[in-house]
């Protein structure tokens, strides 16, 4: 086989993969977000200490401080949450006309990320202002957030939300109704994901987007979503284990 034939076959395989997985570009965006988070100050924990100062900076320049923290939250959501909705993204494309598949995926993502964006407004402001006003140290903030996430794993609301992440919705074939249905589908899945994974994402925010916390939380979320059924107490214990590992690494 010549080199040209090999390149041709590789390109053909890539085209087949793109047809079978039209959501590929959303995963590329997610990978880019991971690369940014893992290569910047977030990876070393510098952002953890910078975030602790955000509470005091809110009084001086609140919108600038809040905007930077909120954008960091959205990048984290793009990195961690989008890979978890690959199946709904494929269903959205499959239920849309072929020529509209990427537009449908974009509409789903717009609705999905909008939920996380609204949730992030509350989380970012709370993590910036409350610890500062109550003189809570960053390590204590993370411990509290991880404790909340561990307890949340044991609730019935969490279990119902996890099931709702696999729901489906009908999508109109064309017109504004198709765009509306894609947005609504993304919004409904986003609501379930916020209720299911919100506790872990709050802990990631409290940890200043530290790589160790994000990788651990992302692994637990992926196992919950795609792996065999785990006892909620086991997952709650795993979240507690992340807190211990982080404490050792930060010592």
C-alpha atoms as a PDB file:
ATOM      1  CA  UNK A   1       0.000   0.000   0.000  1.00  0.00           C
ATOM      2  CA  UNK A   2       1.370   3.388  -0.987  1.00  0.00           C
ATOM      3  CA  UNK A   3       1.502   6.370   1.324  1.00  0.00           C
ATOM      4  CA  UNK A   4      -1.197   8.096  -0.735  1.00  0.00           C
ATOM      5  CA  UNK A   5      -3.534   5.117  -0.347  1.00  0.00           C
ATOM      6  CA  UNK A   6      -2.965   5.135   3.385  1.00  0.00           C
ATOM      7  CA  UNK A   7      -3.830   8.823   3.661  1.00  0.00           C
ATOM      8  CA  UNK A   8      -6.932   8.289   1.526  1.00  0.00           C
ATOM      9  CA  UNK A   9      -8.128   5.441   3.742  1.00  0.00           C
ATOM     10  CA  UNK A  10      -7.440   7.486   6.858  1.00  0.00           C
ATOM     11  CA  UNK A  11      -9.480  10.401   5.493  1.00  0.00           C
ATOM     12  CA  UNK A  12     -12.303   8.050   4.536  1.00  0.00           C
ATOM     13  CA  UNK A  13     -12.308   6.569   8.030  1.00  0.00           C
ATOM     14  CA  UNK A  14     -12.424  10.074   9.470  1.00  0.00           C
ATOM     15  CA  UNK A  15     -15.429  10.959   7.303  1.00  0.00           C
ATOM     16  CA  UNK A  16     -17.238   7.791   8.367  1.00  0.00           C
ATOM     17  CA  UNK A  17     -16.539   8.594  12.003  1.00  0.00           C
ATOM     18  CA  UNK A  18     -17.826  12.136  11.536  1.00  0.00           C
ATOM     19  CA  UNK A  19     -21.054  10.811   9.991  1.00  0.00           C
ATOM     20  CA  UNK A  20     -21.578   8.305  12.780  1.00  0.00           C
ATOM     21  CA  UNK A  21     -20.709  10.833  15.514  1.00  0.00           C
ATOM     22  CA  UNK A  22     -21.856  14.285  14.378  1.00  0.00           C
ATOM     23  CA  UNK A  23     -21.278  15.547  17.914  1.00  0.00           C
ATOM     24  CA  UNK A  24     -17.513  15.217  17.408  1.00  0.00           C
ATOM     25  CA  UNK A  25     -16.929  18.966  17.343  1.00  0.00           C
ATOM     26  CA  UNK A  26     -18.507  19.423  20.771  1.00  0.00           C
ATOM     27  CA  UNK A  27     -16.039  16.887  22.172  1.00  0.00           C
ATOM     28  CA  UNK A  28     -13.180  18.752  20.490  1.00  0.00           C
ATOM     29  CA  UNK A  29     -14.334  21.932  22.258  1.00  0.00           C
ATOM     30  CA  UNK A  30     -14.451  20.006  25.525  1.00  0.00           C
ATOM     31  CA  UNK A  31     -10.923  18.700  24.983  1.00  0.00           C
ATOM     32  CA  UNK A  32      -9.736  22.250  24.334  1.00  0.00           C
ATOM     33  CA  UNK A  33     -11.315  23.378  27.597  1.00  0.00           C
ATOM     34  CA  UNK A  34      -9.548  20.552  29.446  1.00  0.00           C
ATOM     35  CA  UNK A  35      -6.238  21.526  27.846  1.00  0.00           C
ATOM     36  CA  UNK A  36      -6.693  25.114  28.967  1.00  0.00           C
ATOM     37  CA  UNK A  37      -7.617  24.166  32.524  1.00  0.00           C
ATOM     38  CA  UNK A  38      -4.815  21.617  32.898  1.00  0.00           C
ATOM     39  CA  UNK A  39      -2.115  23.848  31.426  1.00  0.00           C
ATOM     40  CA  UNK A  40      -2.879  27.064  33.307  1.00  0.00           C
ATOM     41  CA  UNK A  41      -2.681  28.135  36.948  1.00  0.00           C
ATOM     42  CA  UNK A  42      -5.761  25.989  37.621  1.00  0.00           C
ATOM     43  CA  UNK A  43      -3.601  22.853  37.417  1.00  0.00           C
ATOM     44  CA  UNK A  44      -1.228  23.925  40.196  1.00  0.00           C
ATOM     45  CA  UNK A  45      -3.825  25.246  42.582  1.00  0.00           C
ATOM     46  CA  UNK A  46      -2.789  28.880  42.165  1.00  0.00           C
ATOM     47  CA  UNK A  47      -6.374  29.671  41.180  1.00  0.00           C
ATOM     48  CA  UNK A  48      -7.557  28.278  44.492  1.00  0.00           C
ATOM     49  CA  UNK A  49      -5.781  31.032  46.394  1.00  0.00           C
ATOM     50  CA  UNK A  50      -6.712  33.643  43.802  1.00  0.00           C
ATOM     51  CA  UNK A  51     -10.351  32.694  44.144  1.00  0.00           C
ATOM     52  CA  UNK A  52     -10.176  33.125  47.919  1.00  0.00           C
ATOM     53  CA  UNK A  53      -9.163  36.737  47.296  1.00  0.00           C
ATOM     54  CA  UNK A  54     -12.108  37.229  44.976  1.00  0.00           C
ATOM     55  CA  UNK A  55     -14.441  37.814  47.897  1.00  0.00           C
ATOM     56  CA  UNK A  56     -12.526  40.898  49.015  1.00  0.00           C
ATOM     57  CA  UNK A  57     -12.113  42.103  45.440  1.00  0.00           C
ATOM     58  CA  UNK A  58     -15.862  42.013  44.977  1.00  0.00           C
ATOM     59  CA  UNK A  59     -16.068  45.160  47.048  1.00  0.00           C
ATOM     60  CA  UNK A  60     -13.527  46.983  44.841  1.00  0.00           C
ATOM     61  CA  UNK A  61     -14.418  45.830  41.340  1.00  0.00           C
ATOM     62  CA  UNK A  62     -17.225  43.304  41.692  1.00  0.00           C
ATOM     63  CA  UNK A  63     -18.200  42.864  38.043  1.00  0.00           C
ATOM     64  CA  UNK A  64     -14.663  42.285  36.805  1.00  0.00           C
ATOM     65  CA  UNK A  65     -13.959  39.745  39.544  1.00  0.00           C
ATOM     66  CA  UNK A  66     -17.290  38.034  39.087  1.00  0.00           C
ATOM     67  CA  UNK A  67     -16.992  37.948  35.293  1.00  0.00           C
ATOM     68  CA  UNK A  68     -13.585  36.268  35.382  1.00  0.00           C
ATOM     69  CA  UNK A  69     -14.715  33.639  37.888  1.00  0.00           C
ATOM     70  CA  UNK A  70     -17.936  33.008  35.968  1.00  0.00           C
ATOM     71  CA  UNK A  71     -16.066  32.506  32.677  1.00  0.00           C
ATOM     72  CA  UNK A  72     -13.751  30.048  34.425  1.00  0.00           C
ATOM     73  CA  UNK A  73     -16.856  28.210  35.658  1.00  0.00           C
ATOM     74  CA  UNK A  74     -18.229  27.977  32.097  1.00  0.00           C
ATOM     75  CA  UNK A  75     -14.922  26.613  30.794  1.00  0.00           C
ATOM     76  CA  UNK A  76     -15.001  23.986  33.538  1.00  0.00           C
ATOM     77  CA  UNK A  77     -18.576  23.047  32.620  1.00  0.00           C
ATOM     78  CA  UNK A  78     -17.604  22.756  28.960  1.00  0.00           C
ATOM     79  CA  UNK A  79     -14.693  20.500  29.879  1.00  0.00           C
ATOM     80  CA  UNK A  80     -16.447  18.240  32.379  1.00  0.00           C
ATOM     81  CA  UNK A  81     -20.128  18.134  31.477  1.00  0.00           C
ATOM     82  CA  UNK A  82     -20.325  18.124  27.680  1.00  0.00           C
ATOM     83  CA  UNK A  83     -18.685  14.667  27.307  1.00  0.00           C
ATOM     84  CA  UNK A  84     -21.385  13.282  29.613  1.00  0.00           C
ATOM     85  CA  UNK A  85     -24.171  14.242  27.192  1.00  0.00           C
ATOM     86  CA  UNK A  86     -22.741  12.610  24.083  1.00  0.00           C
ATOM     87  CA  UNK A  87     -25.726  10.262  23.825  1.00  0.00           C
ATOM     88  CA  UNK A  88     -28.380  13.040  23.957  1.00  0.00           C
ATOM     89  CA  UNK A  89     -26.331  14.981  21.408  1.00  0.00           C
ATOM     90  CA  UNK A  90     -26.334  12.004  19.031  1.00  0.00           C
ATOM     91  CA  UNK A  91     -30.088  11.538  19.554  1.00  0.00           C
ATOM     92  CA  UNK A  92     -30.660  15.210  18.796  1.00  0.00           C
ATOM     93  CA  UNK A  93     -28.754  14.895  15.517  1.00  0.00           C
ATOM     94  CA  UNK A  94     -30.440  11.604  14.601  1.00  0.00           C
ATOM     95  CA  UNK A  95     -33.927  13.058  15.100  1.00  0.00           C
ATOM     96  CA  UNK A  96     -33.144  16.088  12.960  1.00  0.00           C
ATOM     97  CA  UNK A  97     -32.834  16.400   9.211  1.00  0.00           C
ATOM     98  CA  UNK A  98     -29.344  15.593   7.975  1.00  0.00           C
ATOM     99  CA  UNK A  99     -28.682  19.125   6.822  1.00  0.00           C
ATOM    100  CA  UNK A 100     -29.734  20.476  10.229  1.00  0.00           C
ATOM    101  CA  UNK A 101     -27.785  18.040  12.417  1.00  0.00           C
ATOM    102  CA  UNK A 102     -25.044  20.458  13.481  1.00  0.00           C
ATOM    103  CA  UNK A 103     -27.534  23.259  13.994  1.00  0.00           C
ATOM    104  CA  UNK A 104     -29.586  20.910  16.162  1.00  0.00           C
ATOM    105  CA  UNK A 105     -26.534  19.995  18.236  1.00  0.00           C
ATOM    106  CA  UNK A 106     -25.728  23.687  18.648  1.00  0.00           C
ATOM    107  CA  UNK A 107     -29.281  24.360  19.814  1.00  0.00           C
ATOM    108  CA  UNK A 108     -29.096  21.536  22.339  1.00  0.00           C
ATOM    109  CA  UNK A 109     -25.799  22.831  23.691  1.00  0.00           C
ATOM    110  CA  UNK A 110     -27.177  26.364  23.935  1.00  0.00           C
ATOM    111  CA  UNK A 111     -30.047  25.154  26.102  1.00  0.00           C
ATOM    112  CA  UNK A 112     -27.842  22.806  28.100  1.00  0.00           C
ATOM    113  CA  UNK A 113     -25.120  25.333  28.850  1.00  0.00           C
ATOM    114  CA  UNK A 114     -27.689  28.035  29.652  1.00  0.00           C
ATOM    115  CA  UNK A 115     -28.804  26.038  32.701  1.00  0.00           C
ATOM    116  CA  UNK A 116     -25.223  25.729  33.918  1.00  0.00           C
ATOM    117  CA  UNK A 117     -24.615  29.413  33.219  1.00  0.00           C
ATOM    118  CA  UNK A 118     -27.546  30.476  35.415  1.00  0.00           C
ATOM    119  CA  UNK A 119     -26.502  28.015  38.105  1.00  0.00           C
ATOM    120  CA  UNK A 120     -22.953  29.339  37.874  1.00  0.00           C
ATOM    121  CA  UNK A 121     -24.102  32.867  38.675  1.00  0.00           C
ATOM    122  CA  UNK A 122     -25.331  31.664  42.072  1.00  0.00           C
ATOM    123  CA  UNK A 123     -22.377  29.367  42.736  1.00  0.00           C
ATOM    124  CA  UNK A 124     -19.639  31.823  41.771  1.00  0.00           C
ATOM    125  CA  UNK A 125     -21.105  34.686  43.771  1.00  0.00           C
ATOM    126  CA  UNK A 126     -21.652  32.444  46.799  1.00  0.00           C
ATOM    127  CA  UNK A 127     -18.140  30.985  46.701  1.00  0.00           C
ATOM    128  CA  UNK A 128     -16.642  34.451  46.319  1.00  0.00           C
ATOM    129  CA  UNK A 129     -18.644  36.359  48.913  1.00  0.00           C
ATOM    130  CA  UNK A 130     -19.707  33.954  51.668  1.00  0.00           C
ATOM    131  CA  UNK A 131     -16.283  32.504  52.676  1.00  0.00           C
ATOM    132  CA  UNK A 132     -14.796  36.003  52.756  1.00  0.00           C
ATOM    133  CA  UNK A 133     -17.558  37.451  54.936  1.00  0.00           C
ATOM    134  CA  UNK A 134     -17.513  34.473  57.306  1.00  0.00           C
ATOM    135  CA  UNK A 135     -13.682  34.263  57.303  1.00  0.00           C
ATOM    136  CA  UNK A 136     -13.734  30.687  56.014  1.00  0.00           C
ATOM    137  CA  UNK A 137     -10.362  29.505  54.707  1.00  0.00           C
ATOM    138  CA  UNK A 138     -10.132  27.965  51.207  1.00  0.00           C
ATOM    139  CA  UNK A 139      -9.383  24.469  52.560  1.00  0.00           C
ATOM    140  CA  UNK A 140     -12.441  24.667  54.811  1.00  0.00           C
ATOM    141  CA  UNK A 141     -14.608  25.857  51.903  1.00  0.00           C
ATOM    142  CA  UNK A 142     -13.537  22.863  49.861  1.00  0.00           C
ATOM    143  CA  UNK A 143     -14.172  20.479  52.753  1.00  0.00           C
ATOM    144  CA  UNK A 144     -17.681  21.874  53.236  1.00  0.00           C
ATOM    145  CA  UNK A 145     -18.419  21.634  49.510  1.00  0.00           C
ATOM    146  CA  UNK A 146     -17.181  18.042  49.309  1.00  0.00           C
ATOM    147  CA  UNK A 147     -19.201  17.150  52.388  1.00  0.00           C
ATOM    148  CA  UNK A 148     -22.309  18.584  50.753  1.00  0.00           C
ATOM    149  CA  UNK A 149     -21.574  16.651  47.540  1.00  0.00           C
ATOM    150  CA  UNK A 150     -21.114  13.421  49.489  1.00  0.00           C
ATOM    151  CA  UNK A 151     -24.400  13.881  51.356  1.00  0.00           C
ATOM    152  CA  UNK A 152     -26.183  14.832  48.132  1.00  0.00           C
ATOM    153  CA  UNK A 153     -25.233  11.449  46.676  1.00  0.00           C
ATOM    154  CA  UNK A 154     -27.451   9.814  49.316  1.00  0.00           C
ATOM    155  CA  UNK A 155     -30.617  11.764  48.515  1.00  0.00           C
ATOM    156  CA  UNK A 156     -33.604  10.601  46.469  1.00  0.00           C
ATOM    157  CA  UNK A 157     -33.513  13.867  44.491  1.00  0.00           C
ATOM    158  CA  UNK A 158     -30.048  12.976  43.266  1.00  0.00           C
ATOM    159  CA  UNK A 159     -31.149   9.504  42.152  1.00  0.00           C
ATOM    160  CA  UNK A 160     -34.190  10.833  40.281  1.00  0.00           C
ATOM    161  CA  UNK A 161     -32.084  13.525  38.628  1.00  0.00           C
ATOM    162  CA  UNK A 162     -29.582  10.931  37.399  1.00  0.00           C
ATOM    163  CA  UNK A 163     -32.403   8.999  35.749  1.00  0.00           C
ATOM    164  CA  UNK A 164     -33.763  12.169  34.154  1.00  0.00           C
ATOM    165  CA  UNK A 165     -30.412  12.732  32.432  1.00  0.00           C
ATOM    166  CA  UNK A 166     -31.338   9.865  30.068  1.00  0.00           C
ATOM    167  CA  UNK A 167     -34.763  11.165  29.060  1.00  0.00           C
ATOM    168  CA  UNK A 168     -35.686  11.960  25.466  1.00  0.00           C
ATOM    169  CA  UNK A 169     -37.958  14.520  23.811  1.00  0.00           C
ATOM    170  CA  UNK A 170     -39.574  14.727  20.356  1.00  0.00           C
ATOM    171  CA  UNK A 171     -37.963  17.177  17.930  1.00  0.00           C
ATOM    172  CA  UNK A 172     -39.791  18.846  15.055  1.00  0.00           C
ATOM    173  CA  UNK A 173     -38.164  18.286  11.643  1.00  0.00           C
ATOM    174  CA  UNK A 174     -37.901  21.877  10.371  1.00  0.00           C
ATOM    175  CA  UNK A 175     -38.544  25.521  11.183  1.00  0.00           C
ATOM    176  CA  UNK A 176     -38.466  27.467  14.412  1.00  0.00           C
ATOM    177  CA  UNK A 177     -40.195  24.593  16.201  1.00  0.00           C
ATOM    178  CA  UNK A 178     -37.155  22.405  15.519  1.00  0.00           C
ATOM    179  CA  UNK A 179     -34.852  25.024  17.038  1.00  0.00           C
ATOM    180  CA  UNK A 180     -37.188  25.413  20.002  1.00  0.00           C
ATOM    181  CA  UNK A 181     -37.329  21.659  20.588  1.00  0.00           C
ATOM    182  CA  UNK A 182     -33.533  21.353  20.522  1.00  0.00           C
ATOM    183  CA  UNK A 183     -33.209  24.194  23.031  1.00  0.00           C
ATOM    184  CA  UNK A 184     -35.877  22.676  25.278  1.00  0.00           C
ATOM    185  CA  UNK A 185     -34.270  19.247  25.108  1.00  0.00           C
ATOM    186  CA  UNK A 186     -30.883  20.684  26.066  1.00  0.00           C
ATOM    187  CA  UNK A 187     -32.496  22.715  28.852  1.00  0.00           C
ATOM    188  CA  UNK A 188     -34.296  19.671  30.310  1.00  0.00           C
ATOM    189  CA  UNK A 189     -31.147  17.539  30.245  1.00  0.00           C
ATOM    190  CA  UNK A 190     -29.207  20.444  31.756  1.00  0.00           C
ATOM    191  CA  UNK A 191     -31.669  20.712  34.653  1.00  0.00           C
ATOM    192  CA  UNK A 192     -31.205  17.018  35.394  1.00  0.00           C
ATOM    193  CA  UNK A 193     -27.419  17.324  35.187  1.00  0.00           C
ATOM    194  CA  UNK A 194     -27.344  20.324  37.538  1.00  0.00           C
ATOM    195  CA  UNK A 195     -29.364  18.404  40.117  1.00  0.00           C
ATOM    196  CA  UNK A 196     -27.248  15.297  39.603  1.00  0.00           C
ATOM    197  CA  UNK A 197     -23.721  16.735  39.321  1.00  0.00           C
ATOM    198  CA  UNK A 198     -24.174  20.187  40.841  1.00  0.00           C
ATOM    199  CA  UNK A 199     -22.702  19.178  44.190  1.00  0.00           C
ATOM    200  CA  UNK A 200     -19.497  17.920  42.606  1.00  0.00           C
ATOM    201  CA  UNK A 201     -19.233  20.993  40.397  1.00  0.00           C
ATOM    202  CA  UNK A 202     -19.616  23.260  43.425  1.00  0.00           C
ATOM    203  CA  UNK A 203     -16.745  21.358  45.034  1.00  0.00           C
ATOM    204  CA  UNK A 204     -14.644  21.880  41.892  1.00  0.00           C
ATOM    205  CA  UNK A 205     -15.379  25.595  42.063  1.00  0.00           C
ATOM    206  CA  UNK A 206     -14.555  25.722  45.759  1.00  0.00           C
ATOM    207  CA  UNK A 207     -11.280  23.972  44.946  1.00  0.00           C
ATOM    208  CA  UNK A 208     -10.340  26.735  42.506  1.00  0.00           C
ATOM    209  CA  UNK A 209     -10.712  24.374  39.501  1.00  0.00           C
ATOM    210  CA  UNK A 210      -7.764  22.351  40.774  1.00  0.00           C
ATOM    211  CA  UNK A 211      -6.900  19.565  38.295  1.00  0.00           C
ATOM    212  CA  UNK A 212      -6.929  16.862  40.964  1.00  0.00           C
ATOM    213  CA  UNK A 213     -10.443  17.778  42.069  1.00  0.00           C
ATOM    214  CA  UNK A 214     -11.776  18.100  38.520  1.00  0.00           C
ATOM    215  CA  UNK A 215     -10.339  14.780  37.331  1.00  0.00           C
ATOM    216  CA  UNK A 216     -11.692  12.980  40.383  1.00  0.00           C
ATOM    217  CA  UNK A 217     -15.129  14.585  40.121  1.00  0.00           C
ATOM    218  CA  UNK A 218     -15.238  13.970  36.374  1.00  0.00           C
ATOM    219  CA  UNK A 219     -14.361  10.323  36.882  1.00  0.00           C
ATOM    220  CA  UNK A 220     -17.113   9.841  39.449  1.00  0.00           C
ATOM    221  CA  UNK A 221     -19.653  11.562  37.201  1.00  0.00           C
ATOM    222  CA  UNK A 222     -18.654   9.395  34.234  1.00  0.00           C
ATOM    223  CA  UNK A 223     -18.889   6.190  36.260  1.00  0.00           C
ATOM    224  CA  UNK A 224     -22.314   7.240  37.511  1.00  0.00           C
ATOM    225  CA  UNK A 225     -23.533   8.022  34.019  1.00  0.00           C
ATOM    226  CA  UNK A 226     -22.014   5.202  31.972  1.00  0.00           C
ATOM    227  CA  UNK A 227     -20.683   2.536  34.326  1.00  0.00           C
ATOM    228  CA  UNK A 228     -22.374  -0.271  36.241  1.00  0.00           C
ATOM    229  CA  UNK A 229     -24.807   0.667  38.964  1.00  0.00           C
ATOM    230  CA  UNK A 230     -22.879   1.743  42.073  1.00  0.00           C
ATOM    231  CA  UNK A 231     -24.218   1.985  45.567  1.00  0.00           C
ATOM    232  CA  UNK A 232     -24.661   5.644  46.489  1.00  0.00           C
ATOM    233  CA  UNK A 233     -22.771   5.095  49.730  1.00  0.00           C
ATOM    234  CA  UNK A 234     -19.750   3.890  47.765  1.00  0.00           C
ATOM    235  CA  UNK A 235     -19.756   7.011  45.634  1.00  0.00           C
ATOM    236  CA  UNK A 236     -20.225   9.215  48.705  1.00  0.00           C
ATOM    237  CA  UNK A 237     -17.181   7.531  50.248  1.00  0.00           C
ATOM    238  CA  UNK A 238     -15.220   8.122  47.029  1.00  0.00           C
ATOM    239  CA  UNK A 239     -15.990  11.838  47.207  1.00  0.00           C
ATOM    240  CA  UNK A 240     -14.725  11.865  50.771  1.00  0.00           C
ATOM    241  CA  UNK A 241     -11.588  10.148  49.509  1.00  0.00           C
ATOM    242  CA  UNK A 242     -11.004  12.975  47.035  1.00  0.00           C
ATOM    243  CA  UNK A 243     -11.001  15.401  49.949  1.00  0.00           C
ATOM    244  CA  UNK A 244      -8.334  13.323  51.716  1.00  0.00           C
ATOM    245  CA  UNK A 245      -6.148  13.069  48.588  1.00  0.00           C
ATOM    246  CA  UNK A 246      -6.400  16.806  48.006  1.00  0.00           C
ATOM    247  CA  UNK A 247      -5.514  17.574  51.612  1.00  0.00           C
ATOM    248  CA  UNK A 248      -2.388  15.395  51.319  1.00  0.00           C
ATOM    249  CA  UNK A 249      -1.395  16.950  47.979  1.00  0.00           C
ATOM    250  CA  UNK A 250      -1.915  20.485  49.261  1.00  0.00           C
ATOM    251  CA  UNK A 251      -0.024  19.904  52.495  1.00  0.00           C
END
